[in-house]
C-alpha atoms as a PDB file:
ATOM      1  CA  MET A   1     -16.020  -2.894  28.436  1.00  0.00           C
ATOM      2  CA  SER A   2     -19.486  -1.332  28.134  1.00  0.00           C
ATOM      3  CA  HIS A   3     -19.403   2.145  26.669  1.00  0.00           C
ATOM      4  CA  PRO A   4     -21.523   5.098  27.855  1.00  0.00           C
ATOM      5  CA  PRO A   5     -24.325   6.415  25.617  1.00  0.00           C
ATOM      6  CA  ILE A   6     -23.550   9.250  23.212  1.00  0.00           C
ATOM      7  CA  THR A   7     -25.554  12.007  21.545  1.00  0.00           C
ATOM      8  CA  LEU A   8     -24.841  13.462  18.119  1.00  0.00           C
ATOM      9  CA  LYS A   9     -25.480  16.840  16.576  1.00  0.00           C
ATOM     10  CA  PRO A  10     -24.346  18.679  13.459  1.00  0.00           C
ATOM     11  CA  TYR A  11     -21.571  21.181  14.098  1.00  0.00           C
ATOM     12  CA  GLY A  12     -21.702  23.346  11.009  1.00  0.00           C
ATOM     13  CA  ASN A  13     -21.751  21.906   7.503  1.00  0.00           C
ATOM     14  CA  HIS A  14     -18.521  19.941   7.762  1.00  0.00           C
ATOM     15  CA  SER A  15     -18.565  18.491  11.290  1.00  0.00           C
ATOM     16  CA  VAL A  16     -20.422  16.224  13.675  1.00  0.00           C
ATOM     17  CA  LEU A  17     -20.099  16.609  17.440  1.00  0.00           C
ATOM     18  CA  MET A  18     -20.347  13.463  19.554  1.00  0.00           C
ATOM     19  CA  GLU A  19     -20.983  14.026  23.255  1.00  0.00           C
ATOM     20  CA  TRP A  20     -20.637  11.628  26.174  1.00  0.00           C
ATOM     21  CA  PRO A  21     -22.140  12.176  29.666  1.00  0.00           C
ATOM     22  CA  ASN A  22     -21.066  15.564  31.015  1.00  0.00           C
ATOM     23  CA  GLU A  23     -18.632  14.549  33.737  1.00  0.00           C
ATOM     24  CA  VAL A  24     -14.879  14.327  34.230  1.00  0.00           C
ATOM     25  CA  SER A  25     -14.179  10.604  34.178  1.00  0.00           C
ATOM     26  CA  GLU A  26     -11.318   8.442  32.966  1.00  0.00           C
ATOM     27  CA  THR A  27     -13.890   5.825  31.926  1.00  0.00           C
ATOM     28  CA  ILE A  28     -15.560   8.344  29.626  1.00  0.00           C
ATOM     29  CA  LEU A  29     -12.232   9.611  28.308  1.00  0.00           C
ATOM     30  CA  GLU A  30     -11.128   6.030  27.547  1.00  0.00           C
ATOM     31  CA  SER A  31     -14.376   5.440  25.640  1.00  0.00           C
ATOM     32  CA  ILE A  32     -13.840   8.609  23.592  1.00  0.00           C
ATOM     33  CA  LEU A  33     -10.250   7.733  22.741  1.00  0.00           C
ATOM     34  CA  ASP A  34     -11.082   4.112  21.932  1.00  0.00           C
ATOM     35  CA  PHE A  35     -13.778   5.300  19.512  1.00  0.00           C
ATOM     36  CA  GLU A  36     -11.452   7.883  17.973  1.00  0.00           C
ATOM     37  CA  HIS A  37      -8.879   5.123  17.421  1.00  0.00           C
ATOM     38  CA  TYR A  38     -11.542   2.786  16.004  1.00  0.00           C
ATOM     39  CA  LEU A  39     -12.814   5.431  13.580  1.00  0.00           C
ATOM     40  CA  LYS A  40      -9.327   6.095  12.223  1.00  0.00           C
ATOM     41  CA  GLU A  41      -8.417   2.411  11.944  1.00  0.00           C
ATOM     42  CA  TYR A  42     -11.615   1.097  10.352  1.00  0.00           C
ATOM     43  CA  CYS A  43     -14.119   3.766   9.344  1.00  0.00           C
ATOM     44  CA  ILE A  44     -12.592   7.033   8.114  1.00  0.00           C
ATOM     45  CA  LYS A  45      -9.154   6.229   6.745  1.00  0.00           C
ATOM     46  CA  ASP A  46      -9.076   9.078   4.191  1.00  0.00           C
ATOM     47  CA  PRO A  47      -6.500  11.708   5.252  1.00  0.00           C
ATOM     48  CA  GLU A  48      -8.915  14.636   4.937  1.00  0.00           C
ATOM     49  CA  TRP A  49     -10.786  13.507   8.066  1.00  0.00           C
ATOM     50  CA  GLU A  50      -9.835  15.222  11.320  1.00  0.00           C
ATOM     51  CA  THR A  51     -10.797  14.498  14.925  1.00  0.00           C
ATOM     52  CA  VAL A  52     -10.603  16.609  18.083  1.00  0.00           C
ATOM     53  CA  SER A  53     -11.045  14.833  21.416  1.00  0.00           C
ATOM     54  CA  ALA A  54     -11.524  16.363  24.860  1.00  0.00           C
ATOM     55  CA  TYR A  55     -13.127  15.772  28.271  1.00  0.00           C
ATOM     56  CA  ASN A  56     -16.496  14.428  27.115  1.00  0.00           C
ATOM     57  CA  SER A  57     -16.669  15.056  23.385  1.00  0.00           C
ATOM     58  CA  LEU A  58     -15.252  14.042  20.029  1.00  0.00           C
ATOM     59  CA  LEU A  59     -15.500  16.310  17.002  1.00  0.00           C
ATOM     60  CA  LEU A  60     -15.356  14.673  13.585  1.00  0.00           C
ATOM     61  CA  VAL A  61     -14.454  17.071  10.772  1.00  0.00           C
ATOM     62  CA  ASN A  62     -14.122  16.830   7.014  1.00  0.00           C
ATOM     63  CA  PRO A  63     -13.105  20.277   5.713  1.00  0.00           C
ATOM     64  CA  THR A  64     -13.242  19.140   2.068  1.00  0.00           C
ATOM     65  CA  LYS A  65     -16.906  18.179   1.856  1.00  0.00           C
ATOM     66  CA  GLU A  66     -20.239  18.901   3.495  1.00  0.00           C
ATOM     67  CA  MET A  67     -21.912  16.225   5.607  1.00  0.00           C
ATOM     68  CA  ASP A  68     -25.500  15.020   5.344  1.00  0.00           C
ATOM     69  CA  PHE A  69     -26.184  14.605   9.058  1.00  0.00           C
ATOM     70  CA  GLN A  70     -29.379  12.611   8.496  1.00  0.00           C
ATOM     71  CA  ASP A  71     -27.389  10.058   6.525  1.00  0.00           C
ATOM     72  CA  PHE A  72     -24.085  10.157   8.392  1.00  0.00           C
ATOM     73  CA  GLY A  73     -25.414  10.217  11.970  1.00  0.00           C
ATOM     74  CA  PRO A  74     -26.789   6.640  11.868  1.00  0.00           C
ATOM     75  CA  LYS A  75     -23.452   5.415  10.467  1.00  0.00           C
ATOM     76  CA  ILE A  76     -21.617   6.878  13.468  1.00  0.00           C
ATOM     77  CA  LYS A  77     -24.057   5.223  15.878  1.00  0.00           C
ATOM     78  CA  ASP A  78     -23.573   1.900  14.121  1.00  0.00           C
ATOM     79  CA  TRP A  79     -19.777   2.250  14.319  1.00  0.00           C
ATOM     80  CA  TYR A  80     -20.026   3.094  18.019  1.00  0.00           C
ATOM     81  CA  ALA A  81     -22.109  -0.037  18.627  1.00  0.00           C
ATOM     82  CA  ARG A  82     -19.251  -2.079  17.163  1.00  0.00           C
ATOM     83  CA  LEU A  83     -16.618  -0.473  19.381  1.00  0.00           C
ATOM     84  CA  LYS A  84     -16.144  -3.634  21.448  1.00  0.00           C
ATOM     85  CA  GLU A  85     -14.259  -5.013  18.440  1.00  0.00           C
ATOM     86  CA  ALA A  86     -11.653  -2.219  18.539  1.00  0.00           C
ATOM     87  CA  PRO A  87      -7.991  -3.154  19.078  1.00  0.00           C
ATOM     88  CA  LYS A  88      -6.225  -1.725  22.098  1.00  0.00           C
ATOM     89  CA  ARG A  89      -4.397   1.544  21.505  1.00  0.00           C
ATOM     90  CA  GLU A  90      -0.997   2.382  22.951  1.00  0.00           C
ATOM     91  CA  LYS A  91      -1.086   4.029  26.382  1.00  0.00           C
ATOM     92  CA  VAL A  92       1.938   5.998  27.486  1.00  0.00           C
ATOM     93  CA  LEU A  93       3.334   7.881  30.471  1.00  0.00           C
ATOM     94  CA  TRP A  94       5.634  10.871  29.987  1.00  0.00           C
ATOM     95  CA  LYS A  95       8.030  11.849  32.772  1.00  0.00           C
ATOM     96  CA  LEU A  96       8.766  15.574  32.697  1.00  0.00           C
ATOM     97  CA  PRO A  97      11.371  17.461  34.747  1.00  0.00           C
ATOM     98  CA  VAL A  98      10.298  20.417  36.875  1.00  0.00           C
ATOM     99  CA  SER A  99      12.358  22.802  38.968  1.00  0.00           C
ATOM    100  CA  TYR A 100      10.430  24.032  41.992  1.00  0.00           C
ATOM    101  CA  ASP A 101      13.071  26.624  42.854  1.00  0.00           C
ATOM    102  CA  LEU A 102      11.389  29.756  44.205  1.00  0.00           C
ATOM    103  CA  SER A 103      12.753  31.768  41.273  1.00  0.00           C
ATOM    104  CA  PHE A 104      10.360  29.688  39.129  1.00  0.00           C
ATOM    105  CA  GLY A 105       7.680  28.769  41.668  1.00  0.00           C
ATOM    106  CA  ILE A 106       6.616  32.332  42.314  1.00  0.00           C
ATOM    107  CA  ASP A 107       3.374  31.234  44.017  1.00  0.00           C
ATOM    108  CA  LEU A 108       4.780  28.172  45.788  1.00  0.00           C
ATOM    109  CA  GLU A 109       5.128  29.786  49.210  1.00  0.00           C
ATOM    110  CA  GLU A 110       1.672  31.367  48.997  1.00  0.00           C
ATOM    111  CA  VAL A 111       0.127  28.055  47.925  1.00  0.00           C
ATOM    112  CA  ALA A 112       1.846  26.269  50.824  1.00  0.00           C
ATOM    113  CA  LYS A 113       0.600  28.871  53.285  1.00  0.00           C
ATOM    114  CA  ARG A 114      -2.984  28.773  52.019  1.00  0.00           C
ATOM    115  CA  LEU A 115      -3.065  24.970  52.104  1.00  0.00           C
ATOM    116  CA  GLY A 116      -1.412  24.761  55.511  1.00  0.00           C
ATOM    117  CA  LYS A 117       1.620  22.817  54.308  1.00  0.00           C
ATOM    118  CA  SER A 118       5.342  23.314  53.799  1.00  0.00           C
ATOM    119  CA  THR A 119       6.721  23.945  50.326  1.00  0.00           C
ATOM    120  CA  ASP A 120       8.393  20.511  50.454  1.00  0.00           C
ATOM    121  CA  GLU A 121       5.017  18.905  51.135  1.00  0.00           C
ATOM    122  CA  ILE A 122       3.480  20.723  48.149  1.00  0.00           C
ATOM    123  CA  ILE A 123       6.313  19.509  45.906  1.00  0.00           C
ATOM    124  CA  GLU A 124       5.996  15.945  47.218  1.00  0.00           C
ATOM    125  CA  LEU A 125       2.256  15.925  46.560  1.00  0.00           C
ATOM    126  CA  HIS A 126       2.709  17.335  43.059  1.00  0.00           C
ATOM    127  CA  THR A 127       5.430  14.893  42.026  1.00  0.00           C
ATOM    128  CA  SER A 128       4.010  11.757  43.662  1.00  0.00           C
ATOM    129  CA  ASN A 129       0.851  11.814  41.582  1.00  0.00           C
ATOM    130  CA  THR A 130       0.235  10.699  38.000  1.00  0.00           C
ATOM    131  CA  TYR A 131      -1.986  12.961  35.878  1.00  0.00           C
ATOM    132  CA  THR A 132      -4.220  12.330  32.879  1.00  0.00           C
ATOM    133  CA  VAL A 133      -4.269  14.602  29.810  1.00  0.00           C
ATOM    134  CA  TYR A 134      -7.984  15.400  29.434  1.00  0.00           C
ATOM    135  CA  GLY A 135      -7.577  18.076  26.791  1.00  0.00           C
ATOM    136  CA  ILE A 136      -5.065  20.180  24.877  1.00  0.00           C
ATOM    137  CA  GLY A 137      -5.989  23.783  24.093  1.00  0.00           C
ATOM    138  CA  PHE A 138      -6.153  27.415  25.248  1.00  0.00           C
ATOM    139  CA  LEU A 139      -2.616  27.647  23.851  1.00  0.00           C
ATOM    140  CA  PRO A 140      -1.035  25.186  21.374  1.00  0.00           C
ATOM    141  CA  GLY A 141       0.358  22.401  23.530  1.00  0.00           C
ATOM    142  CA  PHE A 142      -1.328  23.475  26.798  1.00  0.00           C
ATOM    143  CA  MET A 143      -2.292  20.269  28.598  1.00  0.00           C
ATOM    144  CA  TYR A 144      -5.260  20.191  30.957  1.00  0.00           C
ATOM    145  CA  LEU A 145      -4.115  17.586  33.473  1.00  0.00           C
ATOM    146  CA  GLY A 146      -6.687  16.034  35.771  1.00  0.00           C
ATOM    147  CA  GLY A 147      -6.090  14.039  38.917  1.00  0.00           C
ATOM    148  CA  VAL A 148      -4.722  16.679  41.306  1.00  0.00           C
ATOM    149  CA  PRO A 149      -4.792  15.328  44.891  1.00  0.00           C
ATOM    150  CA  LYS A 150      -7.507  16.825  47.077  1.00  0.00           C
ATOM    151  CA  GLU A 151      -4.799  18.259  49.351  1.00  0.00           C
ATOM    152  CA  LEU A 152      -3.460  20.343  46.427  1.00  0.00           C
ATOM    153  CA  GLU A 153      -6.736  21.817  45.207  1.00  0.00           C
ATOM    154  CA  ILE A 154      -6.617  25.613  45.253  1.00  0.00           C
ATOM    155  CA  PRO A 155      -8.662  28.201  43.312  1.00  0.00           C
ATOM    156  CA  ARG A 156      -7.271  30.191  40.419  1.00  0.00           C
ATOM    157  CA  LYS A 157      -5.722  33.511  41.313  1.00  0.00           C
ATOM    158  CA  ALA A 158      -8.280  36.274  41.840  1.00  0.00           C
ATOM    159  CA  VAL A 159      -6.345  38.559  39.466  1.00  0.00           C
ATOM    160  CA  PRO A 160      -4.633  36.832  36.520  1.00  0.00           C
ATOM    161  CA  ARG A 161      -1.109  37.842  35.556  1.00  0.00           C
ATOM    162  CA  LEU A 162      -0.535  39.596  32.253  1.00  0.00           C
ATOM    163  CA  LYS A 163       2.670  37.605  31.767  1.00  0.00           C
ATOM    164  CA  VAL A 164       3.363  33.991  32.718  1.00  0.00           C
ATOM    165  CA  GLU A 165       6.746  32.618  31.639  1.00  0.00           C
ATOM    166  CA  LYS A 166       7.048  29.761  29.145  1.00  0.00           C
ATOM    167  CA  GLY A 167       7.310  26.425  30.932  1.00  0.00           C
ATOM    168  CA  SER A 168       5.553  27.634  34.083  1.00  0.00           C
ATOM    169  CA  VAL A 169       3.844  24.805  35.960  1.00  0.00           C
ATOM    170  CA  GLY A 170       0.581  25.825  37.579  1.00  0.00           C
ATOM    171  CA  ILE A 171      -2.301  24.418  39.585  1.00  0.00           C
ATOM    172  CA  ALA A 172      -5.916  25.577  39.679  1.00  0.00           C
ATOM    173  CA  GLY A 173      -8.831  23.691  41.161  1.00  0.00           C
ATOM    174  CA  GLN A 174      -8.561  20.016  40.265  1.00  0.00           C
ATOM    175  CA  GLN A 175      -6.130  20.624  37.411  1.00  0.00           C
ATOM    176  CA  THR A 176      -2.440  21.205  36.825  1.00  0.00           C
ATOM    177  CA  GLY A 177      -0.630  22.135  33.623  1.00  0.00           C
ATOM    178  CA  ILE A 178       2.360  23.701  31.872  1.00  0.00           C
ATOM    179  CA  TYR A 179       2.272  26.977  29.958  1.00  0.00           C
ATOM    180  CA  PRO A 180       3.862  26.074  26.584  1.00  0.00           C
ATOM    181  CA  GLN A 181       4.643  29.704  25.770  1.00  0.00           C
ATOM    182  CA  GLU A 182       4.619  33.077  27.464  1.00  0.00           C
ATOM    183  CA  SER A 183       1.057  34.296  27.943  1.00  0.00           C
ATOM    184  CA  PRO A 184      -1.392  35.810  30.413  1.00  0.00           C
ATOM    185  CA  GLY A 185      -2.679  33.330  32.974  1.00  0.00           C
ATOM    186  CA  GLY A 186      -4.403  32.907  36.309  1.00  0.00           C
ATOM    187  CA  TRP A 187      -3.081  29.600  37.615  1.00  0.00           C
ATOM    188  CA  ASN A 188      -0.886  29.358  40.716  1.00  0.00           C
ATOM    189  CA  ILE A 189       2.710  28.930  39.526  1.00  0.00           C
ATOM    190  CA  ILE A 190       4.757  26.437  41.541  1.00  0.00           C
ATOM    191  CA  GLY A 191       7.627  25.536  39.201  1.00  0.00           C
ATOM    192  CA  ASN A 192       8.968  25.432  35.649  1.00  0.00           C
ATOM    193  CA  CYS A 193       9.443  22.672  33.083  1.00  0.00           C
ATOM    194  CA  PRO A 194      12.317  23.180  30.576  1.00  0.00           C
ATOM    195  CA  VAL A 195      10.835  20.831  27.948  1.00  0.00           C
ATOM    196  CA  SER A 196       9.244  22.486  24.904  1.00  0.00           C
ATOM    197  CA  LEU A 197       5.711  21.132  24.538  1.00  0.00           C
ATOM    198  CA  PHE A 198       4.901  22.621  21.146  1.00  0.00           C
ATOM    199  CA  ASP A 199       7.168  23.039  18.129  1.00  0.00           C
ATOM    200  CA  PRO A 200       5.410  24.066  14.882  1.00  0.00           C
ATOM    201  CA  ASN A 201       8.508  23.083  12.888  1.00  0.00           C
ATOM    202  CA  LYS A 202       8.135  19.400  13.755  1.00  0.00           C
ATOM    203  CA  GLU A 203       5.969  16.907  11.883  1.00  0.00           C
ATOM    204  CA  ASN A 204       4.214  16.214  15.185  1.00  0.00           C
ATOM    205  CA  PRO A 205       4.273  19.648  16.883  1.00  0.00           C
ATOM    206  CA  CYS A 206       2.995  18.322  20.240  1.00  0.00           C
ATOM    207  CA  PHE A 207       4.412  14.980  21.338  1.00  0.00           C
ATOM    208  CA  VAL A 208       1.755  14.535  24.042  1.00  0.00           C
ATOM    209  CA  SER A 209      -1.753  13.307  23.180  1.00  0.00           C
ATOM    210  CA  VAL A 210      -5.095  13.416  24.979  1.00  0.00           C
ATOM    211  CA  GLY A 211      -5.302  10.333  27.181  1.00  0.00           C
ATOM    212  CA  ASP A 212      -1.574  10.199  27.932  1.00  0.00           C
ATOM    213  CA  LYS A 213      -0.313  10.162  31.509  1.00  0.00           C
ATOM    214  CA  ILE A 214       2.104  12.743  32.927  1.00  0.00           C
ATOM    215  CA  GLN A 215       4.372  12.463  35.951  1.00  0.00           C
ATOM    216  CA  PHE A 216       6.552  15.336  37.159  1.00  0.00           C
ATOM    217  CA  GLU A 217      10.059  14.740  38.475  1.00  0.00           C
ATOM    218  CA  LYS A 218      11.794  17.304  40.671  1.00  0.00           C
ATOM    219  CA  VAL A 219      15.136  18.599  39.349  1.00  0.00           C
ATOM    220  CA  SER A 220      17.546  21.234  40.627  1.00  0.00           C
ATOM    221  CA  GLN A 221      17.819  24.680  39.086  1.00  0.00           C
ATOM    222  CA  GLY A 222      21.113  23.605  37.490  1.00  0.00           C
ATOM    223  CA  GLU A 223      19.558  20.474  35.989  1.00  0.00           C
ATOM    224  CA  HIS A 224      16.696  22.625  34.718  1.00  0.00           C
ATOM    225  CA  GLU A 225      19.115  24.896  32.864  1.00  0.00           C
ATOM    226  CA  LEU A 226      20.931  21.886  31.384  1.00  0.00           C
ATOM    227  CA  HIS A 227      17.705  20.291  30.164  1.00  0.00           C
ATOM    228  CA  LYS A 228      16.590  23.617  28.726  1.00  0.00           C
ATOM    229  CA  ILE A 229      19.779  23.863  26.652  1.00  0.00           C
ATOM    230  CA  GLU A 230      19.426  20.230  25.583  1.00  0.00           C
ATOM    231  CA  ALA A 231      15.827  20.895  24.518  1.00  0.00           C
ATOM    232  CA  GLU A 232      16.788  24.017  22.567  1.00  0.00           C
ATOM    233  CA  VAL A 233      19.411  22.147  20.530  1.00  0.00           C
ATOM    234  CA  GLY A 234      17.092  19.179  20.034  1.00  0.00           C
ATOM    235  CA  ILE A 235      18.911  16.476  21.981  1.00  0.00           C
ATOM    236  CA  TYR A 236      16.637  16.218  25.028  1.00  0.00           C
ATOM    237  CA  LYS A 237      14.143  13.377  24.786  1.00  0.00           C
ATOM    238  CA  PRO A 238      11.415  13.182  27.451  1.00  0.00           C
ATOM    239  CA  GLU A 239      11.213   9.764  29.076  1.00  0.00           C
ATOM    240  CA  LYS A 240       8.370   7.743  27.560  1.00  0.00           C
ATOM    241  CA  VAL A 241       6.970   4.663  29.306  1.00  0.00           C
ATOM    242  CA  VAL A 242       4.600   2.413  27.386  1.00  0.00           C
ATOM    243  CA  LEU A 243       2.012   1.282  29.919  1.00  0.00           C
ATOM    244  CA  ASN A 244       0.408  -1.574  27.999  1.00  0.00           C
ATOM    245  CA  ALA A 245       3.469  -3.081  26.363  1.00  0.00           C
END
């Protein structure tokens, strides 16, 4: 695999920002994640190093010491040139339950009307697709999922809500996602996922990583309530499929 070119720049005294071409592309995301994996495996094994990956960038941070960019930048470029030697990282798909009952999908009927489809067609489109986690942010555990079918693309709401319920599943433009906690928000809400996506009390607070795949599975309102209880008591385990086993 040939990897796209990158540019580097200092990002404060403790960080270096690596940027790939400015486009939403799984090829670019794979290159970023492969390099992140390579850095951790071979180049920066000390635990004080931190990385933050997203759509077309990778931030490398060492909060314990300042970086000499003139010295460190060429090292990063040399490591990137060696990336073809990197071992393959694990790729996974998470299957998450969603209830599209109208008590949860408060915008579902409006979305269907605006897109000229039935609510069942909207649900079928949303659940038949597999999405890629391009970034996690805005709220802890909020996944920006790319890969929404063209038929489902719809703008954000003109007036955001002051309160969006935890677990709400929304669509906006070419993205879909789940609100991991109650917050304001402007996405079109079409359902609710009972699985907690962020738990600060766990060693790994967010079980999903950038680059993972997500597939939604329709469940009834009763199944939603059952899974919610199971998640609250810690016995619900989202289905994980290893794609490159």
